[in-house]
PDB file of N, CA and C in Angstrom:
ATOM      1  N   MET A   1      -6.549  19.259   6.823  1.00  0.00           N
ATOM      2  CA  MET A   1      -6.452  17.925   6.264  1.00  0.00           C
ATOM      3  C   MET A   1      -5.187  17.214   6.736  1.00  0.00           C
ATOM      4  N   GLY A   2      -4.159  17.998   7.062  1.00  0.00           N
ATOM      5  CA  GLY A   2      -2.912  17.416   7.543  1.00  0.00           C
ATOM      6  C   GLY A   2      -3.083  16.695   8.874  1.00  0.00           C
ATOM      7  N   TRP A   3      -3.939  17.259   9.745  1.00  0.00           N
ATOM      8  CA  TRP A   3      -4.186  16.624  11.035  1.00  0.00           C
ATOM      9  C   TRP A   3      -4.926  15.306  10.873  1.00  0.00           C
ATOM     10  N   LEU A   4      -5.817  15.231   9.911  1.00  0.00           N
ATOM     11  CA  LEU A   4      -6.538  13.992   9.660  1.00  0.00           C
ATOM     12  C   LEU A   4      -5.579  12.889   9.233  1.00  0.00           C
ATOM     13  N   TRP A   5      -4.658  13.223   8.339  1.00  0.00           N
ATOM     14  CA  TRP A   5      -3.670  12.230   7.901  1.00  0.00           C
ATOM     15  C   TRP A   5      -2.753  11.836   9.049  1.00  0.00           C
ATOM     16  N   ALA A   6      -2.392  12.777   9.904  1.00  0.00           N
ATOM     17  CA  ALA A   6      -1.548  12.459  11.054  1.00  0.00           C
ATOM     18  C   ALA A   6      -2.253  11.470  11.979  1.00  0.00           C
ATOM     19  N   ILE A   7      -3.554  11.661  12.186  1.00  0.00           N
ATOM     20  CA  ILE A   7      -4.312  10.749  13.036  1.00  0.00           C
ATOM     21  C   ILE A   7      -4.415   9.367  12.388  1.00  0.00           C
ATOM     22  N   ILE A   8      -4.684   9.328  11.096  1.00  0.00           N
ATOM     23  CA  ILE A   8      -4.804   8.044  10.393  1.00  0.00           C
ATOM     24  C   ILE A   8      -3.478   7.297  10.412  1.00  0.00           C
ATOM     25  N   VAL A   9      -2.400   7.990  10.072  1.00  0.00           N
ATOM     26  CA  VAL A   9      -1.083   7.340  10.053  1.00  0.00           C
ATOM     27  C   VAL A   9      -0.681   6.928  11.465  1.00  0.00           C
ATOM     28  N   GLY A  10      -0.950   7.764  12.458  1.00  0.00           N
ATOM     29  CA  GLY A  10      -0.654   7.411  13.842  1.00  0.00           C
ATOM     30  C   GLY A  10      -1.426   6.188  14.296  1.00  0.00           C
ATOM     31  N   PHE A  11      -2.678   6.092  13.888  1.00  0.00           N
ATOM     32  CA  PHE A  11      -3.500   4.927  14.223  1.00  0.00           C
ATOM     33  C   PHE A  11      -2.893   3.660  13.619  1.00  0.00           C
ATOM     34  N   VAL A  12      -2.517   3.729  12.350  1.00  0.00           N
ATOM     35  CA  VAL A  12      -1.927   2.567  11.671  1.00  0.00           C
ATOM     36  C   VAL A  12      -0.579   2.206  12.299  1.00  0.00           C
ATOM     37  N   LEU A  13       0.261   3.207  12.554  1.00  0.00           N
ATOM     38  CA  LEU A  13       1.560   2.939  13.180  1.00  0.00           C
ATOM     39  C   LEU A  13       1.390   2.338  14.565  1.00  0.00           C
ATOM     40  N   GLY A  14       0.446   2.846  15.329  1.00  0.00           N
ATOM     41  CA  GLY A  14       0.189   2.301  16.658  1.00  0.00           C
ATOM     42  C   GLY A  14      -0.274   0.856  16.611  1.00  0.00           C
ATOM     43  N   LEU A  15      -1.164   0.544  15.675  1.00  0.00           N
ATOM     44  CA  LEU A  15      -1.630  -0.840  15.544  1.00  0.00           C
ATOM     45  C   LEU A  15      -0.512  -1.766  15.082  1.00  0.00           C
ATOM     46  N   LEU A  16       0.329  -1.295  14.158  1.00  0.00           N
ATOM     47  CA  LEU A  16       1.486  -2.091  13.736  1.00  0.00           C
ATOM     48  C   LEU A  16       2.427  -2.343  14.907  1.00  0.00           C
ATOM     49  N   ALA A  17       2.644  -1.314  15.707  1.00  0.00           N
ATOM     50  CA  ALA A  17       3.525  -1.465  16.865  1.00  0.00           C
ATOM     51  C   ALA A  17       2.953  -2.475  17.853  1.00  0.00           C
ATOM     52  N   LYS A  18       1.641  -2.419  18.093  1.00  0.00           N
ATOM     53  CA  LYS A  18       1.006  -3.390  18.994  1.00  0.00           C
ATOM     54  C   LYS A  18       1.131  -4.811  18.448  1.00  0.00           C
ATOM     55  N   ALA A  19       1.044  -4.951  17.126  1.00  0.00           N
ATOM     56  CA  ALA A  19       1.150  -6.273  16.514  1.00  0.00           C
ATOM     57  C   ALA A  19       2.577  -6.812  16.588  1.00  0.00           C
ATOM     58  N   ILE A  20       3.555  -5.917  16.519  1.00  0.00           N
ATOM     59  CA  ILE A  20       4.958  -6.341  16.549  1.00  0.00           C
ATOM     60  C   ILE A  20       5.406  -6.693  17.963  1.00  0.00           C
ATOM     61  N   LEU A  21       4.928  -5.952  18.947  1.00  0.00           N
ATOM     62  CA  LEU A  21       5.339  -6.190  20.333  1.00  0.00           C
ATOM     63  C   LEU A  21       4.827  -7.543  20.813  1.00  0.00           C
ATOM     64  N   PRO A  22       5.686  -8.300  21.507  1.00  0.00           N
ATOM     65  CA  PRO A  22       5.223  -9.589  22.024  1.00  0.00           C
ATOM     66  C   PRO A  22       4.320  -9.405  23.240  1.00  0.00           C
ATOM     67  N   GLY A  23       3.432 -10.341  23.427  1.00  0.00           N
ATOM     68  CA  GLY A  23       2.541 -10.300  24.584  1.00  0.00           C
ATOM     69  C   GLY A  23       1.352  -9.395  24.352  1.00  0.00           C
ATOM     70  N   LYS A  24       0.581  -9.232  25.413  1.00  0.00           N
ATOM     71  CA  LYS A  24      -0.635  -8.420  25.340  1.00  0.00           C
ATOM     72  C   LYS A  24      -0.351  -7.038  25.904  1.00  0.00           C
ATOM     73  N   GLN A  25      -0.749  -6.028  25.155  1.00  0.00           N
ATOM     74  CA  GLN A  25      -0.655  -4.658  25.641  1.00  0.00           C
ATOM     75  C   GLN A  25      -2.014  -4.252  26.174  1.00  0.00           C
ATOM     76  N   HIS A  26      -1.994  -3.504  27.257  1.00  0.00           N
ATOM     77  CA  HIS A  26      -3.240  -3.140  27.923  1.00  0.00           C
ATOM     78  C   HIS A  26      -3.623  -1.682  27.719  1.00  0.00           C
ATOM     79  N   SER A  27      -2.834  -0.948  26.971  1.00  0.00           N
ATOM     80  CA  SER A  27      -3.127   0.467  26.785  1.00  0.00           C
ATOM     81  C   SER A  27      -4.320   0.645  25.847  1.00  0.00           C
ATOM     82  N   PRO A  28      -5.129   1.672  26.094  1.00  0.00           N
ATOM     83  CA  PRO A  28      -6.326   1.895  25.269  1.00  0.00           C
ATOM     84  C   PRO A  28      -5.962   2.378  23.864  1.00  0.00           C
ATOM     85  N   LEU A  29      -6.931   2.276  22.980  1.00  0.00           N
ATOM     86  CA  LEU A  29      -6.715   2.615  21.573  1.00  0.00           C
ATOM     87  C   LEU A  29      -6.343   4.083  21.377  1.00  0.00           C
ATOM     88  N   TRP A  30      -6.908   4.982  22.178  1.00  0.00           N
ATOM     89  CA  TRP A  30      -6.566   6.398  22.027  1.00  0.00           C
ATOM     90  C   TRP A  30      -5.101   6.641  22.361  1.00  0.00           C
ATOM     91  N   LEU A  31      -4.563   5.926  23.367  1.00  0.00           N
ATOM     92  CA  LEU A  31      -3.160   6.091  23.737  1.00  0.00           C
ATOM     93  C   LEU A  31      -2.245   5.517  22.662  1.00  0.00           C
ATOM     94  N   VAL A  32      -2.625   4.383  22.104  1.00  0.00           N
ATOM     95  CA  VAL A  32      -1.843   3.771  21.026  1.00  0.00           C
ATOM     96  C   VAL A  32      -1.804   4.711  19.816  1.00  0.00           C
ATOM     97  N   THR A  33      -2.924   5.358  19.510  1.00  0.00           N
ATOM     98  CA  THR A  33      -2.975   6.292  18.385  1.00  0.00           C
ATOM     99  C   THR A  33      -2.081   7.501  18.642  1.00  0.00           C
ATOM    100  N   VAL A  34      -2.148   8.061  19.837  1.00  0.00           N
ATOM    101  CA  VAL A  34      -1.310   9.218  20.173  1.00  0.00           C
ATOM    102  C   VAL A  34       0.168   8.842  20.107  1.00  0.00           C
ATOM    103  N   LEU A  35       0.519   7.689  20.647  1.00  0.00           N
ATOM    104  CA  LEU A  35       1.914   7.253  20.603  1.00  0.00           C
ATOM    105  C   LEU A  35       2.351   6.926  19.176  1.00  0.00           C
ATOM    106  N   GLY A  36       1.430   6.441  18.348  1.00  0.00           N
ATOM    107  CA  GLY A  36       1.746   6.221  16.939  1.00  0.00           C
ATOM    108  C   GLY A  36       2.013   7.524  16.207  1.00  0.00           C
ATOM    109  N   ILE A  37       1.239   8.562  16.529  1.00  0.00           N
ATOM    110  CA  ILE A  37       1.464   9.886  15.922  1.00  0.00           C
ATOM    111  C   ILE A  37       2.842  10.405  16.329  1.00  0.00           C
ATOM    112  N   ILE A  38       3.157  10.298  17.610  1.00  0.00           N
ATOM    113  CA  ILE A  38       4.458  10.760  18.083  1.00  0.00           C
ATOM    114  C   ILE A  38       5.573   9.919  17.459  1.00  0.00           C
ATOM    115  N   GLY A  39       5.343   8.617  17.314  1.00  0.00           N
ATOM    116  CA  GLY A  39       6.329   7.750  16.661  1.00  0.00           C
ATOM    117  C   GLY A  39       6.582   8.152  15.221  1.00  0.00           C
ATOM    118  N   GLY A  40       5.530   8.554  14.524  1.00  0.00           N
ATOM    119  CA  GLY A  40       5.701   9.036  13.156  1.00  0.00           C
ATOM    120  C   GLY A  40       6.533  10.303  13.100  1.00  0.00           C
ATOM    121  N   ILE A  41       6.293  11.199  14.037  1.00  0.00           N
ATOM    122  CA  ILE A  41       7.061  12.449  14.081  1.00  0.00           C
ATOM    123  C   ILE A  41       8.521  12.168  14.416  1.00  0.00           C
ATOM    124  N   VAL A  42       8.752  11.289  15.394  1.00  0.00           N
ATOM    125  CA  VAL A  42      10.124  10.944  15.771  1.00  0.00           C
ATOM    126  C   VAL A  42      10.825  10.228  14.620  1.00  0.00           C
ATOM    127  N   GLY A  43      10.121   9.315  13.952  1.00  0.00           N
ATOM    128  CA  GLY A  43      10.705   8.616  12.812  1.00  0.00           C
ATOM    129  C   GLY A  43      11.084   9.561  11.685  1.00  0.00           C
ATOM    130  N   ASN A  44      10.232  10.554  11.417  1.00  0.00           N
ATOM    131  CA  ASN A  44      10.565  11.550  10.400  1.00  0.00           C
ATOM    132  C   ASN A  44      11.795  12.355  10.794  1.00  0.00           C
ATOM    133  N   ALA A  45      11.897  12.719  12.069  1.00  0.00           N
ATOM    134  CA  ALA A  45      13.059  13.478  12.532  1.00  0.00           C
ATOM    135  C   ALA A  45      14.333  12.645  12.417  1.00  0.00           C
ATOM    136  N   LEU A  46      14.247  11.364  12.761  1.00  0.00           N
ATOM    137  CA  LEU A  46      15.408  10.491  12.617  1.00  0.00           C
ATOM    138  C   LEU A  46      15.805  10.341  11.155  1.00  0.00           C
ATOM    139  N   ALA A  47      14.825  10.180  10.284  1.00  0.00           N
ATOM    140  CA  ALA A  47      15.113  10.057   8.853  1.00  0.00           C
ATOM    141  C   ALA A  47      15.791  11.321   8.331  1.00  0.00           C
ATOM    142  N   ARG A  48      15.312  12.469   8.774  1.00  0.00           N
ATOM    143  CA  ARG A  48      15.923  13.737   8.373  1.00  0.00           C
ATOM    144  C   ARG A  48      17.362  13.792   8.868  1.00  0.00           C
ATOM    145  N   GLY A  49      17.592  13.333  10.087  1.00  0.00           N
ATOM    146  CA  GLY A  49      18.940  13.320  10.655  1.00  0.00           C
ATOM    147  C   GLY A  49      19.878  12.376   9.922  1.00  0.00           C
ATOM    148  N   PHE A  50      19.350  11.254   9.428  1.00  0.00           N
ATOM    149  CA  PHE A  50      20.160  10.299   8.673  1.00  0.00           C
ATOM    150  C   PHE A  50      20.278  10.659   7.202  1.00  0.00           C
ATOM    151  N   GLY A  51      19.570  11.685   6.764  1.00  0.00           N
ATOM    152  CA  GLY A  51      19.653  12.127   5.379  1.00  0.00           C
ATOM    153  C   GLY A  51      18.790  11.338   4.409  1.00  0.00           C
ATOM    154  N   ILE A  52      17.773  10.654   4.901  1.00  0.00           N
ATOM    155  CA  ILE A  52      16.888   9.887   4.015  1.00  0.00           C
ATOM    156  C   ILE A  52      15.477  10.453   4.050  1.00  0.00           C
ATOM    157  N   GLU A  53      15.403  11.750   4.251  1.00  0.00           N
ATOM    158  CA  GLU A  53      14.083  12.390   4.369  1.00  0.00           C
ATOM    159  C   GLU A  53      13.305  12.308   3.062  1.00  0.00           C
ATOM    160  N   ALA A  54      13.935  12.646   1.960  1.00  0.00           N
ATOM    161  CA  ALA A  54      13.243  12.671   0.674  1.00  0.00           C
ATOM    162  C   ALA A  54      14.035  11.850  -0.341  1.00  0.00           C
ATOM    163  N   THR A  55      13.456  10.756  -0.751  1.00  0.00           N
ATOM    164  CA  THR A  55      14.074   9.911  -1.776  1.00  0.00           C
ATOM    165  C   THR A  55      13.065   9.690  -2.881  1.00  0.00           C
ATOM    166  N   PRO A  56      13.522   9.379  -4.086  1.00  0.00           N
ATOM    167  CA  PRO A  56      12.552   9.100  -5.146  1.00  0.00           C
ATOM    168  C   PRO A  56      11.823   7.775  -4.867  1.00  0.00           C
ATOM    169  N   GLY A  57      10.537   7.767  -5.097  1.00  0.00           N
ATOM    170  CA  GLY A  57       9.750   6.557  -4.861  1.00  0.00           C
ATOM    171  C   GLY A  57       9.306   6.463  -3.411  1.00  0.00           C
ATOM    172  N   ILE A  58       9.138   5.240  -2.939  1.00  0.00           N
ATOM    173  CA  ILE A  58       8.660   4.994  -1.580  1.00  0.00           C
ATOM    174  C   ILE A  58       9.842   5.110  -0.622  1.00  0.00           C
ATOM    175  N   ASP A  59       9.653   5.848   0.454  1.00  0.00           N
ATOM    176  CA  ASP A  59      10.708   6.053   1.453  1.00  0.00           C
ATOM    177  C   ASP A  59      10.687   4.915   2.468  1.00  0.00           C
ATOM    178  N   TRP A  60      11.216   3.758   2.099  1.00  0.00           N
ATOM    179  CA  TRP A  60      11.172   2.597   2.983  1.00  0.00           C
ATOM    180  C   TRP A  60      11.964   2.840   4.260  1.00  0.00           C
ATOM    181  N   GLY A  61      13.095   3.536   4.155  1.00  0.00           N
ATOM    182  CA  GLY A  61      13.893   3.822   5.340  1.00  0.00           C
ATOM    183  C   GLY A  61      13.140   4.689   6.326  1.00  0.00           C
ATOM    184  N   ARG A  62      12.463   5.701   5.825  1.00  0.00           N
ATOM    185  CA  ARG A  62      11.691   6.597   6.688  1.00  0.00           C
ATOM    186  C   ARG A  62      10.543   5.841   7.353  1.00  0.00           C
ATOM    187  N   HIS A  63       9.875   4.999   6.582  1.00  0.00           N
ATOM    188  CA  HIS A  63       8.760   4.220   7.140  1.00  0.00           C
ATOM    189  C   HIS A  63       9.253   3.228   8.186  1.00  0.00           C
ATOM    190  N   ALA A  64      10.405   2.613   7.951  1.00  0.00           N
ATOM    191  CA  ALA A  64      10.963   1.673   8.927  1.00  0.00           C
ATOM    192  C   ALA A  64      11.314   2.394  10.222  1.00  0.00           C
ATOM    193  N   LEU A  65      11.861   3.600  10.114  1.00  0.00           N
ATOM    194  CA  LEU A  65      12.184   4.379  11.311  1.00  0.00           C
ATOM    195  C   LEU A  65      10.916   4.812  12.049  1.00  0.00           C
ATOM    196  N   GLN A  66       9.863   5.129  11.323  1.00  0.00           N
ATOM    197  CA  GLN A  66       8.597   5.490  11.962  1.00  0.00           C
ATOM    198  C   GLN A  66       8.021   4.311  12.739  1.00  0.00           C
ATOM    199  N   VAL A  67       8.043   3.120  12.122  1.00  0.00           N
ATOM    200  CA  VAL A  67       7.519   1.928  12.801  1.00  0.00           C
ATOM    201  C   VAL A  67       8.380   1.600  14.011  1.00  0.00           C
ATOM    202  N   ALA A  68       9.709   1.688  13.872  1.00  0.00           N
ATOM    203  CA  ALA A  68      10.600   1.384  14.996  1.00  0.00           C
ATOM    204  C   ALA A  68      10.354   2.353  16.156  1.00  0.00           C
ATOM    205  N   ALA A  69      10.209   3.634  15.850  1.00  0.00           N
ATOM    206  CA  ALA A  69       9.943   4.611  16.902  1.00  0.00           C
ATOM    207  C   ALA A  69       8.592   4.347  17.553  1.00  0.00           C
ATOM    208  N   ALA A  70       7.595   3.982  16.764  1.00  0.00           N
ATOM    209  CA  ALA A  70       6.272   3.680  17.309  1.00  0.00           C
ATOM    210  C   ALA A  70       6.316   2.443  18.200  1.00  0.00           C
ATOM    211  N   VAL A  71       7.098   1.430  17.823  1.00  0.00           N
ATOM    212  CA  VAL A  71       7.221   0.221  18.640  1.00  0.00           C
ATOM    213  C   VAL A  71       7.813   0.568  20.001  1.00  0.00           C
ATOM    214  N   VAL A  72       8.871   1.354  19.983  1.00  0.00           N
ATOM    215  CA  VAL A  72       9.512   1.746  21.247  1.00  0.00           C
ATOM    216  C   VAL A  72       8.548   2.560  22.106  1.00  0.00           C
ATOM    217  N   LEU A  73       7.876   3.528  21.500  1.00  0.00           N
ATOM    218  CA  LEU A  73       6.978   4.392  22.265  1.00  0.00           C
ATOM    219  C   LEU A  73       5.752   3.648  22.781  1.00  0.00           C
ATOM    220  N   VAL A  74       5.184   2.764  21.967  1.00  0.00           N
ATOM    221  CA  VAL A  74       4.012   1.995  22.429  1.00  0.00           C
ATOM    222  C   VAL A  74       4.426   1.046  23.548  1.00  0.00           C
ATOM    223  N   GLY A  75       5.599   0.447  23.435  1.00  0.00           N
ATOM    224  CA  GLY A  75       6.086  -0.432  24.504  1.00  0.00           C
ATOM    225  C   GLY A  75       6.300   0.321  25.803  1.00  0.00           C
ATOM    226  N   LEU A  76       6.975   1.471  25.726  1.00  0.00           N
ATOM    227  CA  LEU A  76       7.189   2.284  26.918  1.00  0.00           C
ATOM    228  C   LEU A  76       5.880   2.853  27.451  1.00  0.00           C
ATOM    229  N   GLY A  77       5.022   3.298  26.541  1.00  0.00           N
ATOM    230  CA  GLY A  77       3.733   3.846  26.950  1.00  0.00           C
ATOM    231  C   GLY A  77       2.870   2.820  27.656  1.00  0.00           C
ATOM    232  N   ASP A  78       2.912   1.570  27.199  1.00  0.00           N
ATOM    233  CA  ASP A  78       2.134   0.521  27.845  1.00  0.00           C
ATOM    234  C   ASP A  78       2.671   0.237  29.240  1.00  0.00           C
ATOM    235  N   MET A  79       3.993   0.220  29.375  1.00  0.00           N
ATOM    236  CA  MET A  79       4.568   0.006  30.708  1.00  0.00           C
ATOM    237  C   MET A  79       4.171   1.135  31.659  1.00  0.00           C
ATOM    238  N   LEU A  80       4.240   2.376  31.190  1.00  0.00           N
ATOM    239  CA  LEU A  80       3.850   3.506  32.030  1.00  0.00           C
ATOM    240  C   LEU A  80       2.359   3.476  32.350  1.00  0.00           C
ATOM    241  N   TYR A  81       1.551   3.112  31.364  1.00  0.00           N
ATOM    242  CA  TYR A  81       0.109   3.038  31.583  1.00  0.00           C
ATOM    243  C   TYR A  81      -0.223   1.975  32.631  1.00  0.00           C
ATOM    244  N   MET A  82       0.388   0.814  32.516  1.00  0.00           N
ATOM    245  CA  MET A  82       0.111  -0.249  33.482  1.00  0.00           C
ATOM    246  C   MET A  82       0.665   0.105  34.860  1.00  0.00           C
ATOM    247  N   GLY A  83       1.788   0.819  34.893  1.00  0.00           N
ATOM    248  CA  GLY A  83       2.328   1.255  36.173  1.00  0.00           C
ATOM    249  C   GLY A  83       1.420   2.257  36.856  1.00  0.00           C
ATOM    250  N   SER A  84       0.812   3.126  36.080  1.00  0.00           N
ATOM    251  CA  SER A  84      -0.097   4.119  36.666  1.00  0.00           C
ATOM    252  C   SER A  84      -1.427   3.495  37.069  1.00  0.00           C
ATOM    253  N   ARG A  85      -1.789   2.411  36.454  1.00  0.00           N
ATOM    254  CA  ARG A  85      -3.039   1.722  36.794  1.00  0.00           C
ATOM    255  C   ARG A  85      -2.853   0.732  37.939  1.00  0.00           C
ATOM    256  N   GLY A  86      -1.640   0.538  38.401  1.00  0.00           N
ATOM    257  CA  GLY A  86      -1.392  -0.374  39.518  1.00  0.00           C
ATOM    258  C   GLY A  86      -1.462  -1.836  39.122  1.00  0.00           C
ATOM    259  N   ARG A  87      -1.126  -2.118  37.877  1.00  0.00           N
ATOM    260  CA  ARG A  87      -1.116  -3.488  37.349  1.00  0.00           C
ATOM    261  C   ARG A  87      -2.484  -4.151  37.389  1.00  0.00           C
ATOM    262  N   GLN A  88      -3.549  -3.367  37.303  1.00  0.00           N
ATOM    263  CA  GLN A  88      -4.893  -3.929  37.245  1.00  0.00           C
ATOM    264  C   GLN A  88      -5.129  -4.482  35.855  1.00  0.00           C
ATOM    265  N   ARG A  89      -5.781  -5.588  35.773  1.00  0.00           N
ATOM    266  CA  ARG A  89      -6.147  -6.178  34.472  1.00  0.00           C
ATOM    267  C   ARG A  89      -7.457  -5.563  33.999  1.00  0.00           C
ATOM    268  N   THR A  90      -7.456  -5.032  32.766  1.00  0.00           N
ATOM    269  CA  THR A  90      -8.686  -4.448  32.241  1.00  0.00           C
ATOM    270  C   THR A  90      -9.193  -5.247  31.090  1.00  0.00           C
TER     271      THR A  90
END
């Protein structure tokens, strides 16, 4: 069940990252989901490093770090994806 939640949260984080990034991203939905999952993991690690891993109530700091990591990863992933595709418009 943990993997299902990771996929769902990664999907949501990836879509949020695509919405935050300016311009059009050309990466496919599966790549955005994978990068969102990785962004969630990186955001959790950063939150743990900053000492805000577990707080009472909603962990807004942890969620903000997850979204920020997903934005960076989706942006970089889109650039790499378009570079590997030879700048073809899909």
